[in-house]
C-alpha atoms as a PDB file:
ATOM      1  CA  MET A   1      22.530  -7.862   8.669  1.00  0.00           C
ATOM      2  CA  LYS A   2      25.302  -6.069   6.828  1.00  0.00           C
ATOM      3  CA  TYR A   3      28.336  -7.740   5.335  1.00  0.00           C
ATOM      4  CA  LYS A   4      31.771  -6.308   6.012  1.00  0.00           C
ATOM      5  CA  ASN A   5      34.931  -6.970   4.063  1.00  0.00           C
ATOM      6  CA  ALA A   6      37.259  -8.921   6.367  1.00  0.00           C
ATOM      7  CA  THR A   7      40.322  -7.225   4.891  1.00  0.00           C
ATOM      8  CA  LEU A   8      38.979  -3.915   6.198  1.00  0.00           C
ATOM      9  CA  VAL A   9      38.105  -5.234   9.659  1.00  0.00           C
ATOM     10  CA  LEU A  10      40.561  -7.962  10.679  1.00  0.00           C
ATOM     11  CA  PRO A  11      44.303  -7.703  11.172  1.00  0.00           C
ATOM     12  CA  PRO A  12      46.198  -9.451   8.334  1.00  0.00           C
ATOM     13  CA  ASP A  13      47.556 -12.270  10.530  1.00  0.00           C
ATOM     14  CA  LEU A  14      44.086 -13.071  11.892  1.00  0.00           C
ATOM     15  CA  LEU A  15      42.636 -12.985   8.378  1.00  0.00           C
ATOM     16  CA  LEU A  16      45.206 -15.568   7.252  1.00  0.00           C
ATOM     17  CA  GLN A  17      44.252 -17.812  10.165  1.00  0.00           C
ATOM     18  CA  VAL A  18      40.547 -17.562   9.322  1.00  0.00           C
ATOM     19  CA  GLN A  19      41.305 -18.312   5.665  1.00  0.00           C
ATOM     20  CA  GLU A  20      42.808 -21.640   6.734  1.00  0.00           C
ATOM     21  CA  TYR A  21      39.301 -22.720   7.735  1.00  0.00           C
ATOM     22  CA  VAL A  22      37.050 -20.690   5.444  1.00  0.00           C
ATOM     23  CA  ASP A  23      38.484 -19.407   2.177  1.00  0.00           C
ATOM     24  CA  GLY A  24      36.314 -17.177  -0.002  1.00  0.00           C
ATOM     25  CA  GLU A  25      33.038 -18.131   1.713  1.00  0.00           C
ATOM     26  CA  PHE A  26      30.576 -16.229   3.859  1.00  0.00           C
ATOM     27  CA  LEU A  27      31.063 -16.604   7.583  1.00  0.00           C
ATOM     28  CA  TYR A  28      28.503 -15.626  10.221  1.00  0.00           C
ATOM     29  CA  ILE A  29      29.961 -14.374  13.480  1.00  0.00           C
ATOM     30  CA  PRO A  30      27.318 -14.302  16.241  1.00  0.00           C
ATOM     31  CA  ARG A  31      26.947 -11.399  18.627  1.00  0.00           C
ATOM     32  CA  VAL A  32      28.312 -11.492  22.132  1.00  0.00           C
ATOM     33  CA  SER A  33      25.323 -12.580  24.230  1.00  0.00           C
ATOM     34  CA  ASP A  34      25.087  -9.401  26.306  1.00  0.00           C
ATOM     35  CA  ARG A  35      24.907  -7.302  23.108  1.00  0.00           C
ATOM     36  CA  LYS A  36      22.053  -9.233  21.500  1.00  0.00           C
ATOM     37  CA  ARG A  37      19.027  -7.239  20.490  1.00  0.00           C
ATOM     38  CA  SER A  38      15.505  -8.529  20.339  1.00  0.00           C
ATOM     39  CA  TRP A  39      13.623  -8.689  17.055  1.00  0.00           C
ATOM     40  CA  GLY A  40      12.560  -5.277  15.805  1.00  0.00           C
ATOM     41  CA  GLU A  41      14.600  -3.371  18.356  1.00  0.00           C
ATOM     42  CA  THR A  42      16.637  -1.431  15.802  1.00  0.00           C
ATOM     43  CA  THR A  43      13.724  -0.691  13.469  1.00  0.00           C
ATOM     44  CA  PHE A  44      10.149   0.486  13.865  1.00  0.00           C
ATOM     45  CA  THR A  45       8.735  -2.771  12.481  1.00  0.00           C
ATOM     46  CA  ARG A  46       7.655  -4.163  15.848  1.00  0.00           C
ATOM     47  CA  ARG A  47       5.838  -0.939  16.751  1.00  0.00           C
ATOM     48  CA  GLU A  48       4.194  -0.731  13.318  1.00  0.00           C
ATOM     49  CA  LEU A  49       2.874  -4.295  13.633  1.00  0.00           C
ATOM     50  CA  GLN A  50       1.561  -3.612  17.136  1.00  0.00           C
ATOM     51  CA  ASP A  51      -0.243  -0.512  15.862  1.00  0.00           C
ATOM     52  CA  ARG A  52      -1.673  -2.425  12.900  1.00  0.00           C
ATOM     53  CA  ASN A  53      -2.886  -5.229  15.164  1.00  0.00           C
ATOM     54  CA  LYS A  54      -4.594  -2.709  17.474  1.00  0.00           C
ATOM     55  CA  ARG A  55      -6.378  -1.194  14.462  1.00  0.00           C
ATOM     56  CA  ILE A  56      -7.487  -4.661  13.367  1.00  0.00           C
ATOM     57  CA  TYR A  57      -8.865  -5.399  16.828  1.00  0.00           C
ATOM     58  CA  GLU A  58     -10.631  -2.022  17.022  1.00  0.00           C
ATOM     59  CA  ASP A  59     -12.162  -2.588  13.580  1.00  0.00           C
ATOM     60  CA  TYR A  60     -13.323  -6.018  14.735  1.00  0.00           C
ATOM     61  CA  LEU A  61     -14.896  -4.544  17.899  1.00  0.00           C
ATOM     62  CA  ASN A  62     -16.644  -1.980  15.691  1.00  0.00           C
ATOM     63  CA  GLY A  63     -18.374  -4.775  13.803  1.00  0.00           C
ATOM     64  CA  GLU A  64     -16.167  -5.531  10.799  1.00  0.00           C
ATOM     65  CA  SER A  65     -16.098  -9.207   9.890  1.00  0.00           C
ATOM     66  CA  MET A  66     -12.891 -11.200  10.047  1.00  0.00           C
ATOM     67  CA  GLU A  67     -13.188 -11.965   6.344  1.00  0.00           C
ATOM     68  CA  HIS A  68     -13.393  -8.264   5.524  1.00  0.00           C
ATOM     69  CA  LEU A  69     -10.420  -7.511   7.806  1.00  0.00           C
ATOM     70  CA  ALA A  70      -8.364 -10.171   6.027  1.00  0.00           C
ATOM     71  CA  GLU A  71      -9.040  -8.460   2.702  1.00  0.00           C
ATOM     72  CA  LYS A  72      -8.552  -4.964   4.108  1.00  0.00           C
ATOM     73  CA  TYR A  73      -5.169  -5.711   5.701  1.00  0.00           C
ATOM     74  CA  PHE A  74      -3.986  -8.252   3.104  1.00  0.00           C
ATOM     75  CA  LEU A  75      -3.689 -11.043   5.672  1.00  0.00           C
ATOM     76  CA  SER A  76      -5.013 -14.577   5.838  1.00  0.00           C
ATOM     77  CA  LEU A  77      -8.156 -15.293   7.808  1.00  0.00           C
ATOM     78  CA  LYS A  78      -6.063 -17.405  10.207  1.00  0.00           C
ATOM     79  CA  SER A  79      -3.747 -14.434  10.870  1.00  0.00           C
ATOM     80  CA  ILE A  80      -6.707 -12.173  11.629  1.00  0.00           C
ATOM     81  CA  GLN A  81      -8.147 -14.802  13.979  1.00  0.00           C
ATOM     82  CA  ARG A  82      -4.794 -15.142  15.764  1.00  0.00           C
ATOM     83  CA  ILE A  83      -4.411 -11.362  16.181  1.00  0.00           C
ATOM     84  CA  ILE A  84      -7.939 -10.994  17.561  1.00  0.00           C
ATOM     85  CA  ARG A  85      -7.484 -13.968  19.905  1.00  0.00           C
ATOM     86  CA  GLN A  86      -4.196 -12.545  21.261  1.00  0.00           C
ATOM     87  CA  LEU A  87      -5.595  -9.060  21.850  1.00  0.00           C
ATOM     88  CA  ARG A  88      -8.801 -10.394  23.359  1.00  0.00           C
ATOM     89  CA  LYS A  89      -6.736 -12.144  26.061  1.00  0.00           C
ATOM     90  CA  ARG A  90      -5.187  -8.829  27.094  1.00  0.00           C
END
């Protein structure tokens, strides 16, 4: 999330009205519901994690132990177990 300077975005009269309620503090303005984006939609993070999880599952199917996978991918054993359990269901 990026911060924007209200003086550059809001008309002066609206800025004065907002300052009556919040003066010199950060204010979060939520998105309009039909413009909301799901997590990872604007970055490649979601895709990268899906690819990593597929590699983990393939490594597991090829005989690597969960303990070794945890060390290899810098994850906890519980995370490796969860990833394998989720992909096994598919």
